[in-house]
């Protein structure tokens, strides 16, 4: 049974999500539903992370959890 859900999002985010959904032959509702399902799935059903993903994740410390993208950029910014 489907139930209607109202979300408030940034207009550009909605436009980007609609484009992505269309290019992947799905609806925005289907995309949101699959995302919510992925959040509520038991972790033992998740596929193992690729080695590249694991290596990228290990570059951050446990103290980085909860930092915004901008805060992470500022923290790990290197001068070139």
PDB file of N, CA and C in Angstrom:
ATOM      1  N   UNK A   1       0.840  -1.182   0.000  1.00  0.00           N
ATOM      2  CA  UNK A   1       0.000   0.000   0.000  1.00  0.00           C
ATOM      3  C   UNK A   1       0.880   1.238   0.000  1.00  0.00           C
ATOM      4  N   UNK A   2       0.637   2.142  -0.883  1.00  0.00           N
ATOM      5  CA  UNK A   2       1.398   3.384  -0.961  1.00  0.00           C
ATOM      6  C   UNK A   2       0.721   4.468  -0.147  1.00  0.00           C
ATOM      7  N   UNK A   3       1.531   5.301   0.486  1.00  0.00           N
ATOM      8  CA  UNK A   3       1.052   6.435   1.261  1.00  0.00           C
ATOM      9  C   UNK A   3       1.776   7.678   0.783  1.00  0.00           C
ATOM     10  N   UNK A   4       1.048   8.772   0.678  1.00  0.00           N
ATOM     11  CA  UNK A   4       1.634  10.024   0.205  1.00  0.00           C
ATOM     12  C   UNK A   4       2.533  10.630   1.279  1.00  0.00           C
ATOM     13  N   UNK A   5       3.678  11.173   0.859  1.00  0.00           N
ATOM     14  CA  UNK A   5       4.634  11.824   1.741  1.00  0.00           C
ATOM     15  C   UNK A   5       5.009  13.158   1.128  1.00  0.00           C
ATOM     16  N   UNK A   6       4.991  14.211   1.927  1.00  0.00           N
ATOM     17  CA  UNK A   6       5.373  15.531   1.449  1.00  0.00           C
ATOM     18  C   UNK A   6       6.740  15.879   2.003  1.00  0.00           C
ATOM     19  N   UNK A   7       7.650  16.280   1.122  1.00  0.00           N
ATOM     20  CA  UNK A   7       9.001  16.676   1.518  1.00  0.00           C
ATOM     21  C   UNK A   7       9.256  18.107   1.075  1.00  0.00           C
ATOM     22  N   UNK A   8      10.038  18.820   1.842  1.00  0.00           N
ATOM     23  CA  UNK A   8      10.463  20.170   1.468  1.00  0.00           C
ATOM     24  C   UNK A   8      11.959  20.126   1.216  1.00  0.00           C
ATOM     25  N   UNK A   9      12.355  20.391  -0.030  1.00  0.00           N
ATOM     26  CA  UNK A   9      13.756  20.340  -0.421  1.00  0.00           C
ATOM     27  C   UNK A   9      14.112  21.555  -1.253  1.00  0.00           C
ATOM     28  N   UNK A  10      15.390  21.835  -1.344  1.00  0.00           N
ATOM     29  CA  UNK A  10      15.905  22.893  -2.187  1.00  0.00           C
ATOM     30  C   UNK A  10      15.517  22.608  -3.642  1.00  0.00           C
ATOM     31  N   UNK A  11      15.105  23.636  -4.382  1.00  0.00           N
ATOM     32  CA  UNK A  11      14.656  23.457  -5.772  1.00  0.00           C
ATOM     33  C   UNK A  11      15.708  22.805  -6.651  1.00  0.00           C
ATOM     34  N   UNK A  12      16.967  23.202  -6.480  1.00  0.00           N
ATOM     35  CA  UNK A  12      18.034  22.623  -7.296  1.00  0.00           C
ATOM     36  C   UNK A  12      18.241  21.148  -6.974  1.00  0.00           C
ATOM     37  N   UNK A  13      18.111  20.785  -5.707  1.00  0.00           N
ATOM     38  CA  UNK A  13      18.230  19.381  -5.302  1.00  0.00           C
ATOM     39  C   UNK A  13      17.139  18.552  -5.964  1.00  0.00           C
ATOM     40  N   UNK A  14      15.934  19.083  -5.996  1.00  0.00           N
ATOM     41  CA  UNK A  14      14.815  18.374  -6.623  1.00  0.00           C
ATOM     42  C   UNK A  14      15.071  18.205  -8.118  1.00  0.00           C
ATOM     43  N   UNK A  15      15.501  19.270  -8.772  1.00  0.00           N
ATOM     44  CA  UNK A  15      15.770  19.197 -10.209  1.00  0.00           C
ATOM     45  C   UNK A  15      16.867  18.180 -10.507  1.00  0.00           C
ATOM     46  N   UNK A  16      17.938  18.192  -9.713  1.00  0.00           N
ATOM     47  CA  UNK A  16      19.035  17.234  -9.903  1.00  0.00           C
ATOM     48  C   UNK A  16      18.562  15.807  -9.673  1.00  0.00           C
ATOM     49  N   UNK A  17      17.765  15.605  -8.632  1.00  0.00           N
ATOM     50  CA  UNK A  17      17.263  14.267  -8.315  1.00  0.00           C
ATOM     51  C   UNK A  17      16.328  13.759  -9.415  1.00  0.00           C
ATOM     52  N   UNK A  18      15.485  14.632  -9.950  1.00  0.00           N
ATOM     53  CA  UNK A  18      14.585  14.230 -11.035  1.00  0.00           C
ATOM     54  C   UNK A  18      15.377  13.817 -12.274  1.00  0.00           C
ATOM     55  N   UNK A  19      16.423  14.594 -12.585  1.00  0.00           N
ATOM     56  CA  UNK A  19      17.277  14.244 -13.733  1.00  0.00           C
ATOM     57  C   UNK A  19      17.941  12.886 -13.528  1.00  0.00           C
ATOM     58  N   UNK A  20      18.473  12.676 -12.323  1.00  0.00           N
ATOM     59  CA  UNK A  20      19.147  11.410 -12.021  1.00  0.00           C
ATOM     60  C   UNK A  20      18.161  10.240 -12.118  1.00  0.00           C
ATOM     61  N   UNK A  21      16.986  10.417 -11.521  1.00  0.00           N
ATOM     62  CA  UNK A  21      15.979   9.360 -11.546  1.00  0.00           C
ATOM     63  C   UNK A  21      15.582   9.025 -12.985  1.00  0.00           C
ATOM     64  N   UNK A  22      15.369  10.050 -13.789  1.00  0.00           N
ATOM     65  CA  UNK A  22      14.990   9.822 -15.180  1.00  0.00           C
ATOM     66  C   UNK A  22      16.091   9.078 -15.934  1.00  0.00           C
ATOM     67  N   UNK A  23      17.338   9.463 -15.711  1.00  0.00           N
ATOM     68  CA  UNK A  23      18.437   8.801 -16.420  1.00  0.00           C
ATOM     69  C   UNK A  23      18.640   7.360 -15.956  1.00  0.00           C
ATOM     70  N   UNK A  24      18.089   7.010 -14.783  1.00  0.00           N
ATOM     71  CA  UNK A  24      18.185   5.649 -14.272  1.00  0.00           C
ATOM     72  C   UNK A  24      16.839   4.912 -14.353  1.00  0.00           C
ATOM     73  N   UNK A  25      15.946   5.458 -15.174  1.00  0.00           N
ATOM     74  CA  UNK A  25      14.652   4.828 -15.472  1.00  0.00           C
ATOM     75  C   UNK A  25      13.860   4.488 -14.210  1.00  0.00           C
ATOM     76  N   UNK A  26      13.770   5.457 -13.317  1.00  0.00           N
ATOM     77  CA  UNK A  26      12.974   5.282 -12.112  1.00  0.00           C
ATOM     78  C   UNK A  26      12.257   6.595 -11.812  1.00  0.00           C
ATOM     79  N   UNK A  27      11.338   6.540 -10.893  1.00  0.00           N
ATOM     80  CA  UNK A  27      10.632   7.759 -10.485  1.00  0.00           C
ATOM     81  C   UNK A  27      11.311   8.347  -9.257  1.00  0.00           C
ATOM     82  N   UNK A  28      11.013   9.593  -8.977  1.00  0.00           N
ATOM     83  CA  UNK A  28      11.549  10.225  -7.785  1.00  0.00           C
ATOM     84  C   UNK A  28      11.021   9.507  -6.540  1.00  0.00           C
ATOM     85  N   UNK A  29       9.761   9.105  -6.573  1.00  0.00           N
ATOM     86  CA  UNK A  29       9.191   8.354  -5.445  1.00  0.00           C
ATOM     87  C   UNK A  29       9.921   7.028  -5.259  1.00  0.00           C
ATOM     88  N   UNK A  30      10.201   6.353  -6.361  1.00  0.00           N
ATOM     89  CA  UNK A  30      10.923   5.083  -6.284  1.00  0.00           C
ATOM     90  C   UNK A  30      12.321   5.273  -5.727  1.00  0.00           C
ATOM     91  N   UNK A  31      12.963   6.356  -6.136  1.00  0.00           N
ATOM     92  CA  UNK A  31      14.307   6.663  -5.656  1.00  0.00           C
ATOM     93  C   UNK A  31      14.304   6.900  -4.149  1.00  0.00           C
ATOM     94  N   UNK A  32      13.354   7.696  -3.672  1.00  0.00           N
ATOM     95  CA  UNK A  32      13.252   7.988  -2.243  1.00  0.00           C
ATOM     96  C   UNK A  32      12.923   6.715  -1.467  1.00  0.00           C
ATOM     97  N   UNK A  33      12.020   5.903  -1.993  1.00  0.00           N
ATOM     98  CA  UNK A  33      11.655   4.657  -1.318  1.00  0.00           C
ATOM     99  C   UNK A  33      12.868   3.728  -1.185  1.00  0.00           C
ATOM    100  N   UNK A  34      13.632   3.578  -2.267  1.00  0.00           N
ATOM    101  CA  UNK A  34      14.820   2.719  -2.201  1.00  0.00           C
ATOM    102  C   UNK A  34      15.847   3.264  -1.212  1.00  0.00           C
ATOM    103  N   UNK A  35      15.985   4.582  -1.158  1.00  0.00           N
ATOM    104  CA  UNK A  35      16.911   5.185  -0.208  1.00  0.00           C
ATOM    105  C   UNK A  35      16.479   4.890   1.225  1.00  0.00           C
ATOM    106  N   UNK A  36      15.190   5.098   1.516  1.00  0.00           N
ATOM    107  CA  UNK A  36      14.696   4.826   2.865  1.00  0.00           C
ATOM    108  C   UNK A  36      14.875   3.347   3.214  1.00  0.00           C
ATOM    109  N   UNK A  37      14.637   2.461   2.238  1.00  0.00           N
ATOM    110  CA  UNK A  37      14.833   1.036   2.484  1.00  0.00           C
ATOM    111  C   UNK A  37      16.293   0.742   2.805  1.00  0.00           C
ATOM    112  N   UNK A  38      17.207   1.416   2.113  1.00  0.00           N
ATOM    113  CA  UNK A  38      18.630   1.178   2.376  1.00  0.00           C
ATOM    114  C   UNK A  38      19.025   1.639   3.779  1.00  0.00           C
ATOM    115  N   UNK A  39      18.351   2.659   4.286  1.00  0.00           N
ATOM    116  CA  UNK A  39      18.646   3.142   5.634  1.00  0.00           C
ATOM    117  C   UNK A  39      18.148   2.188   6.712  1.00  0.00           C
ATOM    118  N   UNK A  40      17.063   1.500   6.420  1.00  0.00           N
ATOM    119  CA  UNK A  40      16.430   0.658   7.434  1.00  0.00           C
ATOM    120  C   UNK A  40      16.791  -0.814   7.314  1.00  0.00           C
ATOM    121  N   UNK A  41      17.600  -1.174   6.312  1.00  0.00           N
ATOM    122  CA  UNK A  41      18.053  -2.544   6.133  1.00  0.00           C
ATOM    123  C   UNK A  41      19.032  -2.921   7.236  1.00  0.00           C
ATOM    124  N   UNK A  42      18.940  -4.148   7.745  1.00  0.00           N
ATOM    125  CA  UNK A  42      19.969  -4.571   8.708  1.00  0.00           C
ATOM    126  C   UNK A  42      21.350  -4.528   8.043  1.00  0.00           C
ATOM    127  N   UNK A  43      22.348  -4.112   8.794  1.00  0.00           N
ATOM    128  CA  UNK A  43      23.675  -3.932   8.223  1.00  0.00           C
ATOM    129  C   UNK A  43      24.297  -5.233   7.731  1.00  0.00           C
ATOM    130  N   UNK A  44      23.847  -6.404   8.236  1.00  0.00           N
ATOM    131  CA  UNK A  44      24.430  -7.657   7.771  1.00  0.00           C
ATOM    132  C   UNK A  44      24.011  -8.001   6.342  1.00  0.00           C
ATOM    133  N   UNK A  45      23.029  -7.294   5.802  1.00  0.00           N
ATOM    134  CA  UNK A  45      22.605  -7.521   4.420  1.00  0.00           C
ATOM    135  C   UNK A  45      23.313  -6.594   3.430  1.00  0.00           C
ATOM    136  N   UNK A  46      24.147  -5.704   3.943  1.00  0.00           N
ATOM    137  CA  UNK A  46      24.831  -4.767   3.070  1.00  0.00           C
ATOM    138  C   UNK A  46      25.996  -5.443   2.363  1.00  0.00           C
ATOM    139  N   UNK A  47      26.254  -5.003   1.156  1.00  0.00           N
ATOM    140  CA  UNK A  47      27.385  -5.529   0.406  1.00  0.00           C
ATOM    141  C   UNK A  47      28.668  -4.964   0.992  1.00  0.00           C
ATOM    142  N   UNK A  48      29.749  -5.749   0.960  1.00  0.00           N
ATOM    143  CA  UNK A  48      31.020  -5.222   1.466  1.00  0.00           C
ATOM    144  C   UNK A  48      31.462  -4.015   0.645  1.00  0.00           C
ATOM    145  N   UNK A  49      32.131  -3.094   1.302  1.00  0.00           N
ATOM    146  CA  UNK A  49      32.624  -1.909   0.611  1.00  0.00           C
ATOM    147  C   UNK A  49      33.814  -2.264  -0.258  1.00  0.00           C
ATOM    148  N   UNK A  50      33.933  -1.580  -1.368  1.00  0.00           N
ATOM    149  CA  UNK A  50      35.082  -1.763  -2.248  1.00  0.00           C
ATOM    150  C   UNK A  50      36.345  -1.312  -1.515  1.00  0.00           C
ATOM    151  N   UNK A  51      37.476  -1.898  -1.870  1.00  0.00           N
ATOM    152  CA  UNK A  51      38.726  -1.567  -1.181  1.00  0.00           C
ATOM    153  C   UNK A  51      39.059  -0.079  -1.301  1.00  0.00           C
ATOM    154  N   UNK A  52      38.760   0.523  -2.443  1.00  0.00           N
ATOM    155  CA  UNK A  52      39.015   1.957  -2.626  1.00  0.00           C
ATOM    156  C   UNK A  52      38.176   2.777  -1.649  1.00  0.00           C
ATOM    157  N   UNK A  53      36.913   2.379  -1.467  1.00  0.00           N
ATOM    158  CA  UNK A  53      36.032   3.068  -0.527  1.00  0.00           C
ATOM    159  C   UNK A  53      36.564   2.940   0.889  1.00  0.00           C
ATOM    160  N   UNK A  54      36.983   1.727   1.257  1.00  0.00           N
ATOM    161  CA  UNK A  54      37.554   1.528   2.591  1.00  0.00           C
ATOM    162  C   UNK A  54      38.773   2.397   2.818  1.00  0.00           C
ATOM    163  N   UNK A  55      39.634   2.490   1.815  1.00  0.00           N
ATOM    164  CA  UNK A  55      40.846   3.297   1.982  1.00  0.00           C
ATOM    165  C   UNK A  55      40.502   4.784   2.121  1.00  0.00           C
ATOM    166  N   UNK A  56      39.479   5.236   1.391  1.00  0.00           N
ATOM    167  CA  UNK A  56      39.065   6.638   1.511  1.00  0.00           C
ATOM    168  C   UNK A  56      38.446   6.912   2.878  1.00  0.00           C
ATOM    169  N   UNK A  57      37.661   5.963   3.366  1.00  0.00           N
ATOM    170  CA  UNK A  57      37.017   6.145   4.664  1.00  0.00           C
ATOM    171  C   UNK A  57      38.032   6.193   5.795  1.00  0.00           C
ATOM    172  N   UNK A  58      39.117   5.442   5.655  1.00  0.00           N
ATOM    173  CA  UNK A  58      40.099   5.375   6.728  1.00  0.00           C
ATOM    174  C   UNK A  58      40.920   6.658   6.861  1.00  0.00           C
ATOM    175  N   UNK A  59      40.808   7.554   5.916  1.00  0.00           N
ATOM    176  CA  UNK A  59      41.583   8.792   6.008  1.00  0.00           C
ATOM    177  C   UNK A  59      40.988   9.777   7.009  1.00  0.00           C
ATOM    178  N   UNK A  60      39.762   9.538   7.448  1.00  0.00           N
ATOM    179  CA  UNK A  60      39.112  10.406   8.417  1.00  0.00           C
ATOM    180  C   UNK A  60      39.143   9.747   9.792  1.00  0.00           C
ATOM    181  N   UNK A  61      39.246  10.556  10.822  1.00  0.00           N
ATOM    182  CA  UNK A  61      39.261  10.010  12.170  1.00  0.00           C
ATOM    183  C   UNK A  61      37.845   9.903  12.717  1.00  0.00           C
ATOM    184  N   UNK A  62      37.710   9.183  13.831  1.00  0.00           N
ATOM    185  CA  UNK A  62      36.393   9.041  14.447  1.00  0.00           C
ATOM    186  C   UNK A  62      35.855  10.385  14.930  1.00  0.00           C
ATOM    187  N   UNK A  63      36.745  11.356  15.124  1.00  0.00           N
ATOM    188  CA  UNK A  63      36.332  12.683  15.583  1.00  0.00           C
ATOM    189  C   UNK A  63      35.713  13.514  14.452  1.00  0.00           C
ATOM    190  N   UNK A  64      35.792  13.010  13.218  1.00  0.00           N
ATOM    191  CA  UNK A  64      35.222  13.729  12.082  1.00  0.00           C
ATOM    192  C   UNK A  64      33.723  13.478  11.943  1.00  0.00           C
ATOM    193  N   UNK A  65      33.215  12.468  12.621  1.00  0.00           N
ATOM    194  CA  UNK A  65      31.801  12.138  12.486  1.00  0.00           C
ATOM    195  C   UNK A  65      30.955  13.326  12.915  1.00  0.00           C
ATOM    196  N   UNK A  66      29.996  13.668  12.083  1.00  0.00           N
ATOM    197  CA  UNK A  66      29.107  14.782  12.376  1.00  0.00           C
ATOM    198  C   UNK A  66      29.577  16.120  11.834  1.00  0.00           C
ATOM    199  N   UNK A  67      30.807  16.174  11.315  1.00  0.00           N
ATOM    200  CA  UNK A  67      31.272  17.432  10.728  1.00  0.00           C
ATOM    201  C   UNK A  67      30.628  17.624   9.358  1.00  0.00           C
ATOM    202  N   UNK A  68      30.354  18.857   9.018  1.00  0.00           N
ATOM    203  CA  UNK A  68      29.783  19.154   7.712  1.00  0.00           C
ATOM    204  C   UNK A  68      30.859  19.017   6.639  1.00  0.00           C
ATOM    205  N   UNK A  69      30.432  18.988   5.402  1.00  0.00           N
ATOM    206  CA  UNK A  69      31.360  18.904   4.277  1.00  0.00           C
ATOM    207  C   UNK A  69      32.352  20.066   4.321  1.00  0.00           C
ATOM    208  N   UNK A  70      31.844  21.281   4.566  1.00  0.00           N
ATOM    209  CA  UNK A  70      32.719  22.461   4.631  1.00  0.00           C
ATOM    210  C   UNK A  70      33.714  22.337   5.776  1.00  0.00           C
ATOM    211  N   UNK A  71      33.260  21.857   6.928  1.00  0.00           N
ATOM    212  CA  UNK A  71      34.165  21.697   8.071  1.00  0.00           C
ATOM    213  C   UNK A  71      35.269  20.683   7.763  1.00  0.00           C
ATOM    214  N   UNK A  72      34.907  19.594   7.065  1.00  0.00           N
ATOM    215  CA  UNK A  72      35.920  18.604   6.671  1.00  0.00           C
ATOM    216  C   UNK A  72      36.921  19.206   5.691  1.00  0.00           C
ATOM    217  N   UNK A  73      36.406  19.992   4.718  1.00  0.00           N
ATOM    218  CA  UNK A  73      37.302  20.646   3.765  1.00  0.00           C
ATOM    219  C   UNK A  73      38.285  21.564   4.483  1.00  0.00           C
ATOM    220  N   UNK A  74      37.771  22.349   5.406  1.00  0.00           N
ATOM    221  CA  UNK A  74      38.627  23.273   6.148  1.00  0.00           C
ATOM    222  C   UNK A  74      39.658  22.513   6.989  1.00  0.00           C
ATOM    223  N   UNK A  75      39.233  21.431   7.628  1.00  0.00           N
ATOM    224  CA  UNK A  75      40.123  20.660   8.490  1.00  0.00           C
ATOM    225  C   UNK A  75      41.256  19.996   7.702  1.00  0.00           C
ATOM    226  N   UNK A  76      40.927  19.454   6.528  1.00  0.00           N
ATOM    227  CA  UNK A  76      41.914  18.686   5.762  1.00  0.00           C
ATOM    228  C   UNK A  76      42.485  19.449   4.568  1.00  0.00           C
ATOM    229  N   UNK A  77      42.240  20.757   4.510  1.00  0.00           N
ATOM    230  CA  UNK A  77      42.744  21.559   3.401  1.00  0.00           C
ATOM    231  C   UNK A  77      44.276  21.548   3.408  1.00  0.00           C
ATOM    232  N   UNK A  78      44.832  21.295   2.234  1.00  0.00           N
ATOM    233  CA  UNK A  78      46.293  21.345   2.105  1.00  0.00           C
ATOM    234  C   UNK A  78      46.641  22.455   1.132  1.00  0.00           C
ATOM    235  N   UNK A  79      47.723  23.098   1.375  1.00  0.00           N
ATOM    236  CA  UNK A  79      48.165  24.146   0.457  1.00  0.00           C
ATOM    237  C   UNK A  79      48.987  23.519  -0.647  1.00  0.00           C
ATOM    238  N   UNK A  80      48.779  23.991  -1.847  1.00  0.00           N
ATOM    239  CA  UNK A  80      49.487  23.401  -3.005  1.00  0.00           C
ATOM    240  C   UNK A  80      50.385  24.418  -3.624  1.00  0.00           C
TER     241      UNK A  80
END
